Amino acid sequence: MITSRVLFCALLAAGTACTATAADAASAPAAPTRAASSPAASKAAFSLTSSAFRPGGMIPKVHLCTSDGSGDPGQKNESPPFAWTGGPAEAKSYAIIMRDLDNNALLHWIIYDIPATVGSLPQNVEHVYQPTVPAGSRQVYYRGSASLFGYQGPCSPSSVNTYEFTVYALNKATLSELSSNSSIRTAAQAIMKASIGSTAVSGES
């Protein structure tokens, strides 16, 4: 026993060196060891950004509608570029909805069936039902101040409104129940029903 060994060593008068045997060491309680610090990296939060404007900032003129009567050639009705990260691993596709929060959440743009492997949209997505980029995506026909497929930019020349862009992660690879004739409200409802997560960014105009 360690205690016996220590007592024996203490009684030695000749100053003989004292060492513990292997058996002594084996019977001694192990010294506490510090667990290796290896916390798992936390998953990045689902987020949406645009290189065209900062969150809550002013949306550049190039993204404003061309039908507000201003006649400003700088207003080209080009959709802003977007990028998103941290979407749910279960996502099978993505969709984006643009709303005017100061005008009864008026729907301005819906693009859906964006493949799950895609994490961004370029500036100026084509105003067609099935744009070239991102391949496989589809857009809803906008019936309002303009009649076109896809993006309809801010049209609030007499006020400053907040426009919200929300990206939805969906549990379906394609919203097959929608077609080129589907209304923008019908499309929004289908997206909300299939959503398993969303994140948004807003801008002013």
Protein backbone atom coordinates (compact mmCIF):
# COMPACT_ATOMS: atom_id res chain seq x y z
CA MET A 1 0.00 0.00 0.00
CA ILE A 2 1.13 3.62 -0.67
CA THR A 3 0.45 4.63 2.92
CA SER A 4 2.67 1.83 4.25
CA ARG A 5 5.43 2.80 1.88
CA VAL A 6 5.22 6.46 2.91
CA LEU A 7 5.28 5.53 6.61
CA PHE A 8 8.25 3.24 6.07
CA CYS A 9 10.13 5.97 4.23
CA ALA A 10 9.42 8.46 6.98
CA LEU A 11 10.95 6.12 9.57
CA LEU A 12 14.19 5.61 7.69
CA ALA A 13 17.03 7.17 9.65
CA ALA A 14 19.82 6.65 7.15
CA GLY A 15 18.29 8.91 4.50
CA THR A 16 17.87 6.06 2.05
CA ALA A 17 16.07 7.12 -1.10
CA CYS A 18 12.51 5.94 -1.28
CA THR A 19 10.64 5.09 -4.47
CA ALA A 20 7.21 3.70 -5.16
CA THR A 21 6.95 0.30 -6.76
CA ALA A 22 4.91 -0.41 -9.84
CA ALA A 23 2.36 -2.14 -7.62
CA ASP A 24 2.13 0.99 -5.47
CA ALA A 25 1.54 3.16 -8.53
CA ALA A 26 -1.13 0.83 -9.82
CA SER A 27 -3.05 1.11 -6.57
CA ALA A 28 -2.89 4.90 -6.47
CA PRO A 29 -5.95 6.82 -7.66
CA ALA A 30 -5.46 8.25 -11.11
CA ALA A 31 -4.90 11.99 -11.27
CA PRO A 32 -7.86 13.85 -12.74
CA THR A 33 -7.31 14.69 -16.38
CA ARG A 34 -8.77 17.68 -18.21
CA ALA A 35 -11.06 16.68 -21.03
CA ALA A 36 -9.88 17.82 -24.42
CA SER A 37 -11.70 20.94 -25.46
CA SER A 38 -13.30 20.17 -28.80
CA PRO A 39 -16.73 21.79 -28.92
CA ALA A 40 -18.59 21.05 -32.13
CA ALA A 41 -18.74 24.01 -34.46
CA SER A 42 -22.17 25.58 -34.22
CA LYS A 43 -24.21 25.60 -37.40
CA ALA A 44 -24.34 28.98 -39.09
CA ALA A 45 -27.69 30.71 -38.84
CA PHE A 46 -29.86 30.86 -41.95
CA SER A 47 -29.25 34.32 -43.40
CA LEU A 48 -29.92 36.34 -46.54
CA THR A 49 -27.86 39.26 -47.81
CA SER A 50 -27.61 41.48 -50.87
CA SER A 51 -24.47 43.13 -52.16
CA ALA A 52 -26.70 45.90 -53.56
CA PHE A 53 -27.82 47.35 -50.21
CA ARG A 54 -27.18 46.89 -46.52
CA PRO A 55 -29.99 45.62 -44.27
CA GLY A 56 -32.45 48.46 -43.81
CA GLY A 57 -30.56 50.62 -46.32
CA MET A 58 -31.73 52.34 -49.46
CA ILE A 59 -32.31 50.17 -52.49
CA PRO A 60 -30.31 51.54 -55.45
CA LYS A 61 -32.12 53.29 -58.28
CA VAL A 62 -31.30 50.57 -60.82
CA HIS A 63 -33.62 48.22 -58.93
CA LEU A 64 -36.60 50.61 -58.94
CA CYS A 65 -39.56 50.13 -61.25
CA THR A 66 -39.78 51.89 -64.59
CA SER A 67 -43.51 52.60 -64.36
CA ASP A 68 -43.74 55.23 -61.61
CA GLY A 69 -44.00 58.14 -64.05
CA SER A 70 -40.61 59.63 -63.18
CA GLY A 71 -39.08 58.90 -66.56
CA ASP A 72 -35.71 58.41 -64.86
CA PRO A 73 -33.53 56.25 -67.17
CA GLY A 74 -31.57 55.09 -64.12
CA GLN A 75 -34.59 53.11 -62.95
CA LYS A 76 -34.19 49.82 -64.80
CA ASN A 77 -36.33 47.41 -62.79
CA GLU A 78 -33.43 44.99 -62.33
CA SER A 79 -33.75 42.52 -59.47
CA PRO A 80 -31.04 42.86 -56.80
CA PRO A 81 -28.41 40.15 -56.33
CA PHE A 82 -28.88 37.90 -53.29
CA ALA A 83 -26.93 35.23 -51.42
CA TRP A 84 -28.00 32.97 -48.59
CA THR A 85 -26.22 30.58 -46.24
CA GLY A 86 -27.09 28.23 -43.40
CA GLY A 87 -30.29 26.84 -44.91
CA PRO A 88 -31.78 23.65 -43.43
CA ALA A 89 -30.01 20.46 -44.51
CA GLU A 90 -33.43 19.04 -45.42
CA ALA A 91 -34.14 21.80 -47.95
CA LYS A 92 -35.02 20.45 -51.40
CA SER A 93 -35.42 23.84 -53.07
CA TYR A 94 -35.64 27.56 -52.31
CA ALA A 95 -38.02 30.39 -53.15
CA ILE A 96 -37.88 34.16 -52.71
CA ILE A 97 -40.83 36.46 -52.08
CA MET A 98 -40.65 40.27 -52.14
CA ARG A 99 -43.27 42.26 -50.21
CA ASP A 100 -44.00 45.97 -49.77
CA LEU A 101 -44.54 46.07 -46.01
CA ASP A 102 -46.02 49.58 -46.13
CA ASN A 103 -48.60 48.69 -48.76
CA ASN A 104 -50.52 45.80 -47.18
CA ALA A 105 -47.59 43.43 -47.80
CA LEU A 106 -48.17 43.77 -51.55
CA LEU A 107 -46.41 40.94 -53.39
CA HIS A 108 -43.86 42.29 -55.88
CA TRP A 109 -41.86 39.22 -56.90
CA ILE A 110 -41.84 35.47 -56.50
CA ILE A 111 -39.17 33.16 -57.83
CA TYR A 112 -39.32 29.48 -56.84
CA ASP A 113 -38.03 26.00 -57.70
CA ILE A 114 -34.52 27.32 -57.06
CA PRO A 115 -32.41 24.13 -56.73
CA ALA A 116 -31.18 23.28 -53.23
CA THR A 117 -27.60 23.35 -54.54
CA VAL A 118 -27.97 27.06 -55.40
CA GLY A 119 -27.19 29.70 -52.78
CA SER A 120 -27.45 32.94 -54.70
CA LEU A 121 -29.25 34.92 -57.40
CA PRO A 122 -27.50 37.21 -59.87
CA GLN A 123 -28.58 40.77 -60.47
CA ASN A 124 -31.29 41.26 -63.10
CA VAL A 125 -32.90 37.82 -63.29
CA GLU A 126 -34.65 37.64 -66.68
CA HIS A 127 -38.29 38.69 -66.80
CA VAL A 128 -39.47 35.32 -68.08
CA TYR A 129 -41.35 32.37 -66.60
CA GLN A 130 -38.27 30.11 -66.66
CA PRO A 131 -35.11 32.22 -66.41
CA THR A 132 -31.79 30.83 -67.60
CA VAL A 133 -30.20 31.48 -64.20
CA PRO A 134 -30.74 29.81 -61.88
CA ALA A 135 -31.52 26.85 -64.11
CA GLY A 136 -34.76 25.14 -63.20
CA SER A 137 -36.29 28.10 -61.40
CA ARG A 138 -39.66 29.64 -62.27
CA GLN A 139 -41.25 33.04 -61.71
CA VAL A 140 -44.80 34.25 -61.19
CA TYR A 141 -46.50 36.68 -63.54
CA TYR A 142 -46.92 40.09 -61.90
CA ARG A 143 -50.24 41.82 -62.55
CA GLY A 144 -50.24 45.35 -61.19
CA SER A 145 -48.42 48.52 -62.12
CA ALA A 146 -46.67 46.36 -64.72
CA SER A 147 -47.51 43.13 -66.46
CA LEU A 148 -44.48 40.86 -66.61
CA PHE A 149 -42.94 37.71 -65.26
CA GLY A 150 -40.66 38.08 -62.28
CA TYR A 151 -39.36 41.10 -60.46
CA GLN A 152 -41.29 44.35 -60.17
CA GLY A 153 -39.19 46.89 -58.31
CA PRO A 154 -40.23 49.47 -55.73
CA CYS A 155 -42.82 51.93 -57.03
CA SER A 156 -43.39 54.43 -54.24
CA PRO A 157 -42.28 57.87 -55.53
CA SER A 158 -44.29 59.84 -52.98
CA SER A 159 -43.26 57.88 -49.87
CA VAL A 160 -40.44 55.80 -48.42
CA ASN A 161 -41.57 52.21 -48.10
CA THR A 162 -39.93 49.11 -46.65
CA TYR A 163 -39.48 46.20 -49.03
CA GLU A 164 -38.81 42.80 -47.54
CA PHE A 165 -37.12 39.94 -49.39
CA THR A 166 -37.62 36.53 -47.79
CA VAL A 167 -35.91 33.32 -48.85
CA TYR A 168 -37.78 30.14 -47.98
CA ALA A 169 -36.29 26.66 -47.70
CA LEU A 170 -38.86 24.21 -49.03
CA ASN A 171 -39.54 20.51 -48.46
CA LYS A 172 -40.21 19.98 -52.18
CA ALA A 173 -37.82 20.05 -55.11
CA THR A 174 -40.53 21.56 -57.29
CA LEU A 175 -43.91 23.15 -56.68
CA SER A 176 -45.58 21.10 -59.37
CA GLU A 177 -49.01 22.41 -58.46
CA LEU A 178 -48.02 25.83 -59.86
CA SER A 179 -47.88 26.86 -63.52
CA SER A 180 -47.31 29.93 -65.62
CA ASN A 181 -50.96 30.83 -65.04
CA SER A 182 -50.82 30.67 -61.25
CA SER A 183 -51.56 33.92 -59.44
CA ILE A 184 -48.92 35.52 -57.25
CA ARG A 185 -51.07 34.94 -54.17
CA THR A 186 -51.57 31.26 -54.99
CA ALA A 187 -47.83 30.86 -55.42
CA ALA A 188 -47.15 32.59 -52.09
CA GLN A 189 -49.56 30.23 -50.33
CA ALA A 190 -47.91 27.17 -51.87
CA ILE A 191 -44.49 28.39 -50.77
CA MET A 192 -45.62 29.07 -47.21
CA LYS A 193 -47.18 25.61 -47.01
CA ALA A 194 -43.96 23.91 -48.11
CA SER A 195 -41.62 26.08 -46.04
CA ILE A 196 -39.34 24.48 -43.44
CA GLY A 197 -37.42 27.65 -42.67
CA SER A 198 -36.97 31.22 -43.81
CA THR A 199 -34.89 34.35 -43.36
CA ALA A 200 -35.29 37.88 -44.66
CA VAL A 201 -33.57 41.16 -45.43
CA SER A 202 -35.28 44.47 -46.08
CA GLY A 203 -34.46 47.71 -47.85
CA GLU A 204 -36.01 51.15 -48.17
CA SER A 205 -37.22 53.02 -51.25
